[in-house]
Amino acid sequence: MTEDPDPPDIFAVLDDEYARDILVATKTDRLSAKELSEECNMSRPTVSRRVNRLVEQGLLEEYTHVDPGGRHFNEYEARLERIEVILQAEGFDIQIDVRPDPADRITAIFEEMREG
């Protein structure tokens, strides 16, 4: 995952209809690649390629899920919250908001508890 989203790279990813469909599908629920394939009506290889790009850009979070039978698989959840583009005299002002990384959220909670 990239530290700070790079607008041209984000726009290139979002130019793909499949990637947008994956983000929409994972906005409220964590879904596996199989579930995304069914929900978004796309092949598993298509899901895999898009998921990899979205994770790489920090727009999608990947979690490992273990079912009761001990089988491991990944689930995905959208991190992208908002993109704002404002045209100004000097050029474009672009703000990309993503939910914090889960590990960073936990660290921030512990730091607040220590300080409080």
C-alpha atoms as a PDB file:
ATOM      1  CA  MET A   1       0.000   0.000   0.000  1.00  0.00           C
ATOM      2  CA  THR A   2       1.194   3.518  -0.728  1.00  0.00           C
ATOM      3  CA  GLU A   3       1.637   5.909   2.195  1.00  0.00           C
ATOM      4  CA  ASP A   4      -0.032   8.909   0.574  1.00  0.00           C
ATOM      5  CA  PRO A   5      -2.390   8.299  -2.317  1.00  0.00           C
ATOM      6  CA  ASP A   6      -1.046   9.683  -5.596  1.00  0.00           C
ATOM      7  CA  PRO A   7      -3.895  11.384  -7.498  1.00  0.00           C
ATOM      8  CA  PRO A   8      -2.869  10.284 -11.024  1.00  0.00           C
ATOM      9  CA  ASP A   9      -2.533   6.659  -9.868  1.00  0.00           C
ATOM     10  CA  ILE A  10      -5.851   6.810  -7.993  1.00  0.00           C
ATOM     11  CA  PHE A  11      -7.625   8.282 -11.031  1.00  0.00           C
ATOM     12  CA  ALA A  12      -6.114   5.566 -13.259  1.00  0.00           C
ATOM     13  CA  VAL A  13      -7.465   2.862 -10.931  1.00  0.00           C
ATOM     14  CA  LEU A  14     -10.876   4.530 -10.673  1.00  0.00           C
ATOM     15  CA  ASP A  15     -11.085   4.786 -14.467  1.00  0.00           C
ATOM     16  CA  ASP A  16     -11.724   1.019 -14.409  1.00  0.00           C
ATOM     17  CA  GLU A  17     -15.425   0.095 -14.061  1.00  0.00           C
ATOM     18  CA  TYR A  18     -14.564  -3.228 -12.389  1.00  0.00           C
ATOM     19  CA  ALA A  19     -12.452  -1.501  -9.738  1.00  0.00           C
ATOM     20  CA  ARG A  20     -15.278   0.958  -9.046  1.00  0.00           C
ATOM     21  CA  ASP A  21     -17.761  -1.928  -8.740  1.00  0.00           C
ATOM     22  CA  ILE A  22     -15.480  -3.651  -6.212  1.00  0.00           C
ATOM     23  CA  LEU A  23     -15.211  -0.489  -4.119  1.00  0.00           C
ATOM     24  CA  VAL A  24     -18.987  -0.041  -4.102  1.00  0.00           C
ATOM     25  CA  ALA A  25     -19.574  -3.705  -3.198  1.00  0.00           C
ATOM     26  CA  THR A  26     -17.094  -3.558  -0.302  1.00  0.00           C
ATOM     27  CA  LYS A  27     -18.211  -0.204   1.094  1.00  0.00           C
ATOM     28  CA  THR A  28     -20.476  -1.756   3.746  1.00  0.00           C
ATOM     29  CA  ASP A  29     -19.405  -5.428   3.855  1.00  0.00           C
ATOM     30  CA  ARG A  30     -16.184  -7.398   3.759  1.00  0.00           C
ATOM     31  CA  LEU A  31     -16.334  -9.740   0.794  1.00  0.00           C
ATOM     32  CA  SER A  32     -14.136 -12.584  -0.430  1.00  0.00           C
ATOM     33  CA  ALA A  33     -12.901 -12.801  -4.019  1.00  0.00           C
ATOM     34  CA  LYS A  34     -15.532 -15.462  -4.678  1.00  0.00           C
ATOM     35  CA  GLU A  35     -18.285 -13.227  -3.281  1.00  0.00           C
ATOM     36  CA  LEU A  36     -16.980 -10.246  -5.288  1.00  0.00           C
ATOM     37  CA  SER A  37     -16.984 -12.364  -8.434  1.00  0.00           C
ATOM     38  CA  GLU A  38     -20.631 -13.246  -7.868  1.00  0.00           C
ATOM     39  CA  GLU A  39     -21.738  -9.815  -6.612  1.00  0.00           C
ATOM     40  CA  CYS A  40     -20.020  -7.860  -9.385  1.00  0.00           C
ATOM     41  CA  ASN A  41     -20.554 -10.438 -12.140  1.00  0.00           C
ATOM     42  CA  MET A  42     -16.866 -10.739 -13.084  1.00  0.00           C
ATOM     43  CA  SER A  43     -14.379 -13.581 -13.354  1.00  0.00           C
ATOM     44  CA  ARG A  44     -12.107 -14.489 -10.444  1.00  0.00           C
ATOM     45  CA  PRO A  45      -8.951 -13.450 -12.394  1.00  0.00           C
ATOM     46  CA  THR A  46     -10.566 -10.049 -13.084  1.00  0.00           C
ATOM     47  CA  VAL A  47     -11.398  -9.680  -9.385  1.00  0.00           C
ATOM     48  CA  SER A  48      -7.863 -10.679  -8.419  1.00  0.00           C
ATOM     49  CA  ARG A  49      -6.201  -8.124 -10.736  1.00  0.00           C
ATOM     50  CA  ARG A  50      -8.464  -5.281  -9.607  1.00  0.00           C
ATOM     51  CA  VAL A  51      -8.210  -6.176  -5.922  1.00  0.00           C
ATOM     52  CA  ASN A  52      -4.404  -6.188  -6.144  1.00  0.00           C
ATOM     53  CA  ARG A  53      -4.378  -2.700  -7.698  1.00  0.00           C
ATOM     54  CA  LEU A  54      -6.877  -1.353  -5.164  1.00  0.00           C
ATOM     55  CA  VAL A  55      -4.924  -2.783  -2.210  1.00  0.00           C
ATOM     56  CA  GLU A  56      -1.663  -1.435  -3.660  1.00  0.00           C
ATOM     57  CA  GLN A  57      -3.171   2.068  -3.881  1.00  0.00           C
ATOM     58  CA  GLY A  58      -4.542   1.878  -0.333  1.00  0.00           C
ATOM     59  CA  LEU A  59      -8.167   2.018  -1.448  1.00  0.00           C
ATOM     60  CA  LEU A  60      -9.045  -1.501  -0.299  1.00  0.00           C
ATOM     61  CA  GLU A  61      -8.069  -3.312   2.915  1.00  0.00           C
ATOM     62  CA  GLU A  62      -7.277  -7.027   2.862  1.00  0.00           C
ATOM     63  CA  TYR A  63      -8.126  -9.248   5.843  1.00  0.00           C
ATOM     64  CA  THR A  64      -7.436 -12.937   6.390  1.00  0.00           C
ATOM     65  CA  HIS A  65     -10.519 -14.882   7.458  1.00  0.00           C
ATOM     66  CA  VAL A  66     -10.442 -18.362   8.980  1.00  0.00           C
ATOM     67  CA  ASP A  67     -13.681 -20.322   8.701  1.00  0.00           C
ATOM     68  CA  PRO A  68     -14.778 -22.868  11.360  1.00  0.00           C
ATOM     69  CA  GLY A  69     -13.218 -25.664   9.295  1.00  0.00           C
ATOM     70  CA  GLY A  70      -9.804 -23.964   9.439  1.00  0.00           C
ATOM     71  CA  ARG A  71      -9.831 -22.824   5.792  1.00  0.00           C
ATOM     72  CA  HIS A  72      -8.095 -19.466   5.228  1.00  0.00           C
ATOM     73  CA  PHE A  73      -9.193 -16.921   2.648  1.00  0.00           C
ATOM     74  CA  ASN A  74      -8.987 -13.176   2.164  1.00  0.00           C
ATOM     75  CA  GLU A  75     -11.797 -10.694   2.513  1.00  0.00           C
ATOM     76  CA  TYR A  76     -11.767  -7.124   1.272  1.00  0.00           C
ATOM     77  CA  GLU A  77     -13.227  -3.870   2.554  1.00  0.00           C
ATOM     78  CA  ALA A  78     -13.152  -0.431   0.921  1.00  0.00           C
ATOM     79  CA  ARG A  79     -11.010   2.230   2.615  1.00  0.00           C
ATOM     80  CA  LEU A  80     -11.820   5.054   0.194  1.00  0.00           C
ATOM     81  CA  GLU A  81     -14.139   7.564   1.807  1.00  0.00           C
ATOM     82  CA  ARG A  82     -14.060  10.590  -0.478  1.00  0.00           C
ATOM     83  CA  ILE A  83     -12.243  12.294  -3.340  1.00  0.00           C
ATOM     84  CA  GLU A  84     -12.605  16.038  -3.773  1.00  0.00           C
ATOM     85  CA  VAL A  85     -11.286  17.887  -6.806  1.00  0.00           C
ATOM     86  CA  ILE A  86     -11.313  21.685  -6.799  1.00  0.00           C
ATOM     87  CA  LEU A  87     -10.233  23.720  -9.798  1.00  0.00           C
ATOM     88  CA  GLN A  88      -8.218  26.734  -8.725  1.00  0.00           C
ATOM     89  CA  ALA A  89      -6.288  29.404 -10.623  1.00  0.00           C
ATOM     90  CA  GLU A  90      -3.029  27.574  -9.792  1.00  0.00           C
ATOM     91  CA  GLY A  91      -4.350  24.177 -10.890  1.00  0.00           C
ATOM     92  CA  PHE A  92      -6.261  21.397  -9.205  1.00  0.00           C
ATOM     93  CA  ASP A  93      -6.489  20.914  -5.454  1.00  0.00           C
ATOM     94  CA  ILE A  94      -7.128  17.226  -4.843  1.00  0.00           C
ATOM     95  CA  GLN A  95      -8.049  15.732  -1.469  1.00  0.00           C
ATOM     96  CA  ILE A  96      -8.235  11.931  -1.133  1.00  0.00           C
ATOM     97  CA  ASP A  97      -9.676  10.644   2.139  1.00  0.00           C
ATOM     98  CA  VAL A  98      -9.251   7.017   3.162  1.00  0.00           C
ATOM     99  CA  ARG A  99     -10.088   5.327   6.438  1.00  0.00           C
ATOM    100  CA  PRO A 100      -6.967   4.830   8.547  1.00  0.00           C
ATOM    101  CA  ASP A 101      -5.191   1.494   8.415  1.00  0.00           C
ATOM    102  CA  PRO A 102      -6.618  -0.791  11.162  1.00  0.00           C
ATOM    103  CA  ALA A 103      -3.197  -1.175  12.808  1.00  0.00           C
ATOM    104  CA  ASP A 104      -2.778   2.615  12.853  1.00  0.00           C
ATOM    105  CA  ARG A 105      -6.244   2.987  14.428  1.00  0.00           C
ATOM    106  CA  ILE A 106      -5.334   0.564  17.230  1.00  0.00           C
ATOM    107  CA  THR A 107      -2.015   2.325  17.826  1.00  0.00           C
ATOM    108  CA  ALA A 108      -3.798   5.701  18.003  1.00  0.00           C
ATOM    109  CA  ILE A 109      -6.311   4.334  20.554  1.00  0.00           C
ATOM    110  CA  PHE A 110      -3.523   3.021  22.797  1.00  0.00           C
ATOM    111  CA  GLU A 111      -1.606   6.292  22.522  1.00  0.00           C
ATOM    112  CA  GLU A 112      -4.707   8.257  23.497  1.00  0.00           C
ATOM    113  CA  MET A 113      -5.265   5.966  26.484  1.00  0.00           C
ATOM    114  CA  ARG A 114      -1.640   6.407  27.594  1.00  0.00           C
ATOM    115  CA  GLU A 115      -1.848  10.189  27.315  1.00  0.00           C
ATOM    116  CA  GLY A 116      -5.275  10.434  28.958  1.00  0.00           C
END
